[in-house]
C-alpha atoms as a PDB file:
ATOM      1  CA  MET A   1     129.665  44.071 105.812  1.00  0.00           C
ATOM      2  CA  ALA A   2     127.605  41.179 107.358  1.00  0.00           C
ATOM      3  CA  ILE A   3     123.971  40.305 106.736  1.00  0.00           C
ATOM      4  CA  ASP A   4     122.004  41.914 109.461  1.00  0.00           C
ATOM      5  CA  ASP A   5     118.423  40.757 108.451  1.00  0.00           C
ATOM      6  CA  ALA A   6     117.965  37.376 106.883  1.00  0.00           C
ATOM      7  CA  ARG A   7     114.460  38.234 105.995  1.00  0.00           C
ATOM      8  CA  ALA A   8     115.684  41.249 103.873  1.00  0.00           C
ATOM      9  CA  VAL A   9     117.886  38.841 101.936  1.00  0.00           C
ATOM     10  CA  ILE A  10     115.032  36.449 101.353  1.00  0.00           C
ATOM     11  CA  ASP A  11     112.714  39.068 100.377  1.00  0.00           C
ATOM     12  CA  ALA A  12     115.195  40.685  97.868  1.00  0.00           C
ATOM     13  CA  LEU A  13     116.047  37.281  96.295  1.00  0.00           C
ATOM     14  CA  ALA A  14     112.431  36.371  95.999  1.00  0.00           C
ATOM     15  CA  GLU A  15     111.986  38.864  93.251  1.00  0.00           C
ATOM     16  CA  PRO A  16     112.811  37.304  89.823  1.00  0.00           C
ATOM     17  CA  GLU A  17     114.756  40.275  88.416  1.00  0.00           C
ATOM     18  CA  THR A  18     116.698  40.765  91.683  1.00  0.00           C
ATOM     19  CA  LEU A  19     117.564  37.133  91.781  1.00  0.00           C
ATOM     20  CA  LEU A  20     118.720  37.233  88.126  1.00  0.00           C
ATOM     21  CA  VAL A  21     120.915  40.383  88.722  1.00  0.00           C
ATOM     22  CA  PHE A  22     122.341  38.716  91.906  1.00  0.00           C
ATOM     23  CA  GLY A  23     123.170  35.536  89.920  1.00  0.00           C
ATOM     24  CA  VAL A  24     125.020  37.370  87.228  1.00  0.00           C
ATOM     25  CA  LEU A  25     126.958  39.289  89.891  1.00  0.00           C
ATOM     26  CA  ALA A  26     127.803  36.193  91.732  1.00  0.00           C
ATOM     27  CA  VAL A  27     129.031  34.395  88.580  1.00  0.00           C
ATOM     28  CA  ARG A  28     131.080  37.413  87.401  1.00  0.00           C
ATOM     29  CA  THR A  29     132.533  38.479  90.752  1.00  0.00           C
ATOM     30  CA  SER A  30     132.769  35.408  93.022  1.00  0.00           C
ATOM     31  CA  ARG A  31     136.212  34.146  93.875  1.00  0.00           C
ATOM     32  CA  ALA A  32     134.944  30.561  94.466  1.00  0.00           C
ATOM     33  CA  GLY A  33     136.938  28.118  92.322  1.00  0.00           C
ATOM     34  CA  VAL A  34     139.548  30.656  91.407  1.00  0.00           C
ATOM     35  CA  SER A  35     143.130  29.277  91.653  1.00  0.00           C
ATOM     36  CA  ALA A  36     145.323  30.728  94.330  1.00  0.00           C
ATOM     37  CA  SER A  37     147.587  32.540  91.729  1.00  0.00           C
ATOM     38  CA  ASP A  38     144.380  34.410  90.390  1.00  0.00           C
ATOM     39  CA  GLN A  39     143.196  35.350  93.810  1.00  0.00           C
ATOM     40  CA  VAL A  40     145.830  38.128  94.269  1.00  0.00           C
ATOM     41  CA  ARG A  41     144.115  40.080  91.636  1.00  0.00           C
ATOM     42  CA  SER A  42     141.246  42.196  92.805  1.00  0.00           C
ATOM     43  CA  THR A  43     137.627  41.098  92.234  1.00  0.00           C
ATOM     44  CA  PRO A  44     135.984  43.083  89.456  1.00  0.00           C
ATOM     45  CA  TYR A  45     132.946  45.266  89.800  1.00  0.00           C
ATOM     46  CA  VAL A  46     130.153  44.998  87.298  1.00  0.00           C
ATOM     47  CA  THR A  47     128.576  48.096  85.852  1.00  0.00           C
ATOM     48  CA  PRO A  48     124.867  48.563  85.227  1.00  0.00           C
ATOM     49  CA  PHE A  49     125.676  48.368  81.428  1.00  0.00           C
ATOM     50  CA  GLY A  50     127.369  44.966  81.885  1.00  0.00           C
ATOM     51  CA  LEU A  51     124.256  43.750  83.753  1.00  0.00           C
ATOM     52  CA  MET A  52     122.022  45.112  81.120  1.00  0.00           C
ATOM     53  CA  ARG A  53     123.756  43.179  78.323  1.00  0.00           C
ATOM     54  CA  ALA A  54     123.956  39.920  80.475  1.00  0.00           C
ATOM     55  CA  THR A  55     120.201  40.079  81.497  1.00  0.00           C
ATOM     56  CA  SER A  56     118.435  42.052  78.822  1.00  0.00           C
ATOM     57  CA  LEU A  57     116.834  44.208  81.668  1.00  0.00           C
ATOM     58  CA  SER A  58     116.515  47.902  81.515  1.00  0.00           C
ATOM     59  CA  ARG A  59     118.861  50.195  83.475  1.00  0.00           C
ATOM     60  CA  ASP A  60     116.066  51.169  85.798  1.00  0.00           C
ATOM     61  CA  VAL A  61     115.245  47.633  86.643  1.00  0.00           C
ATOM     62  CA  VAL A  62     118.954  46.664  87.074  1.00  0.00           C
ATOM     63  CA  GLU A  63     119.577  49.654  89.380  1.00  0.00           C
ATOM     64  CA  ALA A  64     116.348  48.821  91.455  1.00  0.00           C
ATOM     65  CA  ALA A  65     117.430  45.316  91.861  1.00  0.00           C
ATOM     66  CA  ALA A  66     120.972  46.500  92.984  1.00  0.00           C
ATOM     67  CA  ALA A  67     119.304  48.880  95.411  1.00  0.00           C
ATOM     68  CA  ARG A  68     117.409  45.909  96.992  1.00  0.00           C
ATOM     69  CA  LEU A  69     120.605  43.805  97.100  1.00  0.00           C
ATOM     70  CA  LYS A  70     122.493  46.678  98.788  1.00  0.00           C
ATOM     71  CA  ARG A  71     119.759  47.148 101.370  1.00  0.00           C
ATOM     72  CA  ALA A  72     119.919  43.459 102.070  1.00  0.00           C
ATOM     73  CA  GLY A  73     123.775  43.658 102.561  1.00  0.00           C
ATOM     74  CA  LEU A  74     124.718  41.552  99.737  1.00  0.00           C
ATOM     75  CA  LEU A  75     126.637  44.036  97.484  1.00  0.00           C
ATOM     76  CA  GLU A  76     129.730  46.067  97.657  1.00  0.00           C
ATOM     77  CA  VAL A  77     129.441  49.286  95.772  1.00  0.00           C
ATOM     78  CA  LEU A  78     132.020  51.324  93.790  1.00  0.00           C
ATOM     79  CA  VAL A  79     130.741  54.754  92.914  1.00  0.00           C
ATOM     80  CA  ASP A  80     132.129  56.430  89.683  1.00  0.00           C
ATOM     81  CA  ASP A  81     131.250  60.034  90.392  1.00  0.00           C
ATOM     82  CA  GLU A  82     132.874  61.145  87.054  1.00  0.00           C
ATOM     83  CA  ARG A  83     130.651  58.880  85.039  1.00  0.00           C
ATOM     84  CA  GLY A  84     127.617  59.107  87.311  1.00  0.00           C
ATOM     85  CA  TYR A  85     126.942  55.538  88.181  1.00  0.00           C
ATOM     86  CA  GLU A  86     127.725  52.730  90.597  1.00  0.00           C
ATOM     87  CA  SER A  87     129.289  49.402  89.872  1.00  0.00           C
ATOM     88  CA  TRP A  88     128.706  46.329  92.152  1.00  0.00           C
ATOM     89  CA  ARG A  89     130.158  43.078  93.348  1.00  0.00           C
ATOM     90  CA  VAL A  90     128.871  40.409  95.606  1.00  0.00           C
ATOM     91  CA  SER A  91     130.031  40.850  99.120  1.00  0.00           C
ATOM     92  CA  GLU A  92     132.016  37.903  99.931  1.00  0.00           C
ATOM     93  CA  ALA A  93     132.108  38.635 103.641  1.00  0.00           C
ATOM     94  CA  ALA A  94     128.225  38.796 103.675  1.00  0.00           C
ATOM     95  CA  LEU A  95     127.994  35.503 101.952  1.00  0.00           C
ATOM     96  CA  ALA A  96     130.530  33.894 104.431  1.00  0.00           C
ATOM     97  CA  ALA A  97     128.563  35.283 107.257  1.00  0.00           C
ATOM     98  CA  ALA A  98     125.298  33.953 105.878  1.00  0.00           C
ATOM     99  CA  THR A  99     126.930  30.478 105.328  1.00  0.00           C
ATOM    100  CA  THR A 100     128.270  30.441 108.845  1.00  0.00           C
ATOM    101  CA  GLU A 101     124.969  31.575 110.359  1.00  0.00           C
ATOM    102  CA  SER A 102     122.964  28.933 108.438  1.00  0.00           C
ATOM    103  CA  VAL A 103     125.025  26.052 109.635  1.00  0.00           C
ATOM    104  CA  GLY A 104     122.682  23.771 111.676  1.00  0.00           C
ATOM    105  CA  VAL A 105     119.513  25.323 110.260  1.00  0.00           C
ATOM    106  CA  GLY A 106     117.084  22.442 109.625  1.00  0.00           C
ATOM    107  CA  SER A 107     119.430  19.839 111.141  1.00  0.00           C
ATOM    108  CA  ARG A 108     118.082  17.095 113.210  1.00  0.00           C
ATOM    109  CA  THR A 109     120.191  18.198 116.238  1.00  0.00           C
ATOM    110  CA  GLY A 110     117.597  20.896 117.039  1.00  0.00           C
ATOM    111  CA  ARG A 111     120.252  23.658 116.881  1.00  0.00           C
ATOM    112  CA  GLY A 112     119.518  26.778 114.784  1.00  0.00           C
END
């Protein structure tokens, strides 16, 4: 999933709780800096309970932050119907697209 609206990303990350949740998810689920042998394993999803422990935020706040990040296209979601909650991880494809699209922004060449 690519990021369709850069303003939605900026708006979501401008909220302190959402930025905190995104940061924890990025640290826990990013493959950046992972050795090639470890990359064959799947990237983990983080539950709302893991985020609550890591951030000291309530479940309502964590889920609201995740909803904003999902709307912005920054999260992949795994639904656990049996337990009744979602788990999340950062969308590496969305981050790669954002990085690619931002190349040249603010450069002196006048591009972007």
